[in-house]
């Protein structure tokens, strides 16, 4: 779970430059990269949600091992 969370944080950090370019300089290509990055964040977040739900159902802890 921590690995996925670190990936999520990395994706957000990678978008910072493109968000600034899009909002401050109105760079349309940066906007496209932001949308693509947000889609990837959405995918990773959904995978994490499913993993958490599965862990709750299966009685596994946050590290994925049964308690």
N, C-alpha and C. Protein backbone atom coordinates (compact mmCIF):
# COMPACT_ATOMS: atom_id res chain seq x y z
N UNK A 1 0.83 -1.19 0.00
CA UNK A 1 0.00 0.00 0.00
C UNK A 1 0.88 1.25 0.00
N UNK A 2 1.96 1.23 0.77
CA UNK A 2 2.84 2.40 0.83
C UNK A 2 3.49 2.67 -0.53
N UNK A 3 3.77 1.62 -1.25
CA UNK A 3 4.38 1.78 -2.58
C UNK A 3 3.42 2.53 -3.50
N UNK A 4 2.17 2.17 -3.47
CA UNK A 4 1.18 2.83 -4.31
C UNK A 4 0.99 4.29 -3.88
N UNK A 5 1.01 4.54 -2.57
CA UNK A 5 0.87 5.89 -2.07
C UNK A 5 2.05 6.76 -2.49
N UNK A 6 3.25 6.19 -2.43
CA UNK A 6 4.43 6.93 -2.88
C UNK A 6 4.32 7.25 -4.37
N UNK A 7 3.81 6.31 -5.15
CA UNK A 7 3.61 6.55 -6.59
C UNK A 7 2.62 7.68 -6.81
N UNK A 8 1.57 7.72 -6.02
CA UNK A 8 0.57 8.78 -6.12
C UNK A 8 1.20 10.14 -5.82
N UNK A 9 2.01 10.22 -4.77
CA UNK A 9 2.67 11.47 -4.44
C UNK A 9 3.64 11.89 -5.55
N UNK A 10 4.33 10.93 -6.12
CA UNK A 10 5.27 11.21 -7.21
C UNK A 10 4.54 11.79 -8.42
N UNK A 11 3.39 11.21 -8.75
CA UNK A 11 2.62 11.70 -9.89
C UNK A 11 2.16 13.14 -9.67
N UNK A 12 1.72 13.45 -8.47
CA UNK A 12 1.29 14.82 -8.16
C UNK A 12 2.46 15.78 -8.29
N UNK A 13 3.61 15.40 -7.74
CA UNK A 13 4.79 16.26 -7.83
C UNK A 13 5.24 16.49 -9.26
N UNK A 14 5.12 15.48 -10.10
CA UNK A 14 5.52 15.61 -11.50
C UNK A 14 4.63 16.60 -12.26
N UNK A 15 3.42 16.79 -11.80
CA UNK A 15 2.49 17.69 -12.49
C UNK A 15 2.72 19.16 -12.15
N UNK A 16 3.44 19.43 -11.09
CA UNK A 16 3.57 20.79 -10.60
C UNK A 16 4.05 21.77 -11.67
N UNK A 17 5.08 21.42 -12.40
CA UNK A 17 5.62 22.30 -13.43
C UNK A 17 4.60 22.57 -14.53
N UNK A 18 3.94 21.52 -14.98
CA UNK A 18 2.97 21.69 -16.07
C UNK A 18 1.75 22.49 -15.62
N UNK A 19 1.33 22.33 -14.37
CA UNK A 19 0.21 23.12 -13.86
C UNK A 19 0.60 24.60 -13.87
N UNK A 20 1.81 24.91 -13.44
CA UNK A 20 2.27 26.30 -13.44
C UNK A 20 2.33 26.85 -14.86
N UNK A 21 2.86 26.06 -15.80
CA UNK A 21 2.94 26.52 -17.19
C UNK A 21 1.55 26.78 -17.76
N UNK A 22 0.62 25.91 -17.43
CA UNK A 22 -0.73 26.06 -17.97
C UNK A 22 -1.44 27.27 -17.36
N UNK A 23 -1.34 27.42 -16.04
CA UNK A 23 -2.09 28.50 -15.38
C UNK A 23 -1.44 29.87 -15.56
N UNK A 24 -0.13 29.92 -15.54
CA UNK A 24 0.55 31.21 -15.61
C UNK A 24 0.85 31.66 -17.03
N UNK A 25 1.20 30.71 -17.90
CA UNK A 25 1.61 31.06 -19.26
C UNK A 25 0.60 30.63 -20.31
N UNK A 26 -0.48 30.00 -19.87
CA UNK A 26 -1.54 29.53 -20.77
C UNK A 26 -1.00 28.60 -21.87
N UNK A 27 -0.05 27.75 -21.47
CA UNK A 27 0.54 26.78 -22.38
C UNK A 27 -0.43 25.61 -22.53
N UNK A 28 -1.03 25.50 -23.71
CA UNK A 28 -2.06 24.48 -23.95
C UNK A 28 -1.49 23.06 -23.91
N UNK A 29 -0.26 22.87 -24.37
CA UNK A 29 0.34 21.53 -24.31
C UNK A 29 0.57 21.09 -22.87
N UNK A 30 0.92 22.04 -22.02
CA UNK A 30 1.06 21.72 -20.60
C UNK A 30 -0.29 21.30 -20.02
N UNK A 31 -1.36 21.94 -20.47
CA UNK A 31 -2.70 21.56 -20.03
C UNK A 31 -3.04 20.13 -20.42
N UNK A 32 -2.63 19.74 -21.61
CA UNK A 32 -2.84 18.37 -22.07
C UNK A 32 -2.08 17.39 -21.18
N UNK A 33 -0.84 17.73 -20.84
CA UNK A 33 -0.04 16.87 -19.96
C UNK A 33 -0.67 16.78 -18.56
N UNK A 34 -1.23 17.90 -18.09
CA UNK A 34 -1.89 17.89 -16.78
C UNK A 34 -3.08 16.94 -16.82
N UNK A 35 -3.89 17.02 -17.85
CA UNK A 35 -5.06 16.13 -17.95
C UNK A 35 -4.63 14.67 -18.01
N UNK A 36 -3.58 14.39 -18.76
CA UNK A 36 -3.07 13.01 -18.85
C UNK A 36 -2.56 12.55 -17.49
N UNK A 37 -1.83 13.42 -16.79
CA UNK A 37 -1.31 13.07 -15.47
C UNK A 37 -2.43 12.84 -14.46
N UNK A 38 -3.46 13.68 -14.54
CA UNK A 38 -4.60 13.51 -13.63
C UNK A 38 -5.32 12.20 -13.88
N UNK A 39 -5.38 11.78 -15.14
CA UNK A 39 -5.99 10.49 -15.46
C UNK A 39 -5.20 9.35 -14.83
N UNK A 40 -3.87 9.47 -14.86
CA UNK A 40 -3.02 8.44 -14.25
C UNK A 40 -3.21 8.44 -12.73
N UNK A 41 -3.32 9.63 -12.14
CA UNK A 41 -3.56 9.72 -10.70
C UNK A 41 -4.89 9.05 -10.36
N UNK A 42 -5.88 9.29 -11.17
CA UNK A 42 -7.19 8.68 -10.95
C UNK A 42 -7.09 7.15 -10.97
N UNK A 43 -6.31 6.63 -11.92
CA UNK A 43 -6.15 5.18 -12.04
C UNK A 43 -5.46 4.59 -10.81
N UNK A 44 -4.38 5.23 -10.38
CA UNK A 44 -3.64 4.74 -9.21
C UNK A 44 -4.51 4.84 -7.95
N UNK A 45 -5.25 5.94 -7.82
CA UNK A 45 -6.12 6.12 -6.66
C UNK A 45 -7.21 5.05 -6.64
N UNK A 46 -7.76 4.73 -7.78
CA UNK A 46 -8.80 3.69 -7.84
C UNK A 46 -8.23 2.33 -7.45
N UNK A 47 -7.02 2.04 -7.91
CA UNK A 47 -6.38 0.78 -7.54
C UNK A 47 -6.16 0.71 -6.03
N UNK A 48 -5.77 1.85 -5.44
CA UNK A 48 -5.58 1.89 -3.99
C UNK A 48 -6.90 1.69 -3.27
N UNK A 49 -7.97 2.31 -3.76
CA UNK A 49 -9.28 2.16 -3.13
C UNK A 49 -9.70 0.69 -3.13
N UNK A 50 -9.48 0.01 -4.23
CA UNK A 50 -9.85 -1.40 -4.35
C UNK A 50 -9.01 -2.24 -3.38
N UNK A 51 -7.71 -1.93 -3.28
CA UNK A 51 -6.84 -2.68 -2.37
C UNK A 51 -7.26 -2.49 -0.92
N UNK A 52 -7.63 -1.27 -0.56
CA UNK A 52 -8.08 -1.00 0.81
C UNK A 52 -9.37 -1.77 1.09
N UNK A 53 -10.30 -1.71 0.16
CA UNK A 53 -11.57 -2.41 0.34
C UNK A 53 -11.36 -3.92 0.45
N UNK A 54 -10.49 -4.46 -0.39
CA UNK A 54 -10.20 -5.90 -0.33
C UNK A 54 -9.57 -6.27 1.02
N UNK A 55 -8.67 -5.40 1.50
CA UNK A 55 -8.02 -5.66 2.79
C UNK A 55 -9.04 -5.63 3.92
N UNK A 56 -9.98 -4.71 3.84
CA UNK A 56 -11.01 -4.63 4.87
C UNK A 56 -11.89 -5.87 4.85
N UNK A 57 -12.24 -6.33 3.68
CA UNK A 57 -13.10 -7.52 3.55
C UNK A 57 -12.38 -8.77 4.00
N UNK A 58 -11.10 -8.87 3.65
CA UNK A 58 -10.34 -10.07 3.94
C UNK A 58 -9.69 -10.09 5.30
N UNK A 59 -9.82 -9.03 6.07
CA UNK A 59 -9.22 -8.98 7.38
C UNK A 59 -7.72 -8.74 7.34
N UNK A 60 -7.22 -8.29 6.20
CA UNK A 60 -5.78 -8.02 6.10
C UNK A 60 -5.49 -6.63 6.63
N UNK A 61 -4.28 -6.45 7.13
CA UNK A 61 -3.88 -5.14 7.63
C UNK A 61 -3.45 -4.24 6.49
N UNK A 62 -2.94 -3.09 6.81
CA UNK A 62 -2.53 -2.09 5.82
C UNK A 62 -1.37 -2.59 4.97
N UNK A 63 -0.60 -3.56 5.51
CA UNK A 63 0.53 -4.08 4.74
C UNK A 63 0.13 -5.25 3.85
N UNK A 64 -1.14 -5.58 3.84
CA UNK A 64 -1.63 -6.63 2.97
C UNK A 64 -1.61 -8.02 3.56
N UNK A 65 -1.08 -8.16 4.80
CA UNK A 65 -1.00 -9.47 5.43
C UNK A 65 -2.19 -9.66 6.37
N UNK A 66 -2.67 -10.88 6.44
CA UNK A 66 -3.80 -11.18 7.32
C UNK A 66 -3.39 -10.99 8.76
N UNK A 67 -4.33 -10.51 9.55
CA UNK A 67 -4.03 -10.27 10.97
C UNK A 67 -4.47 -11.44 11.81
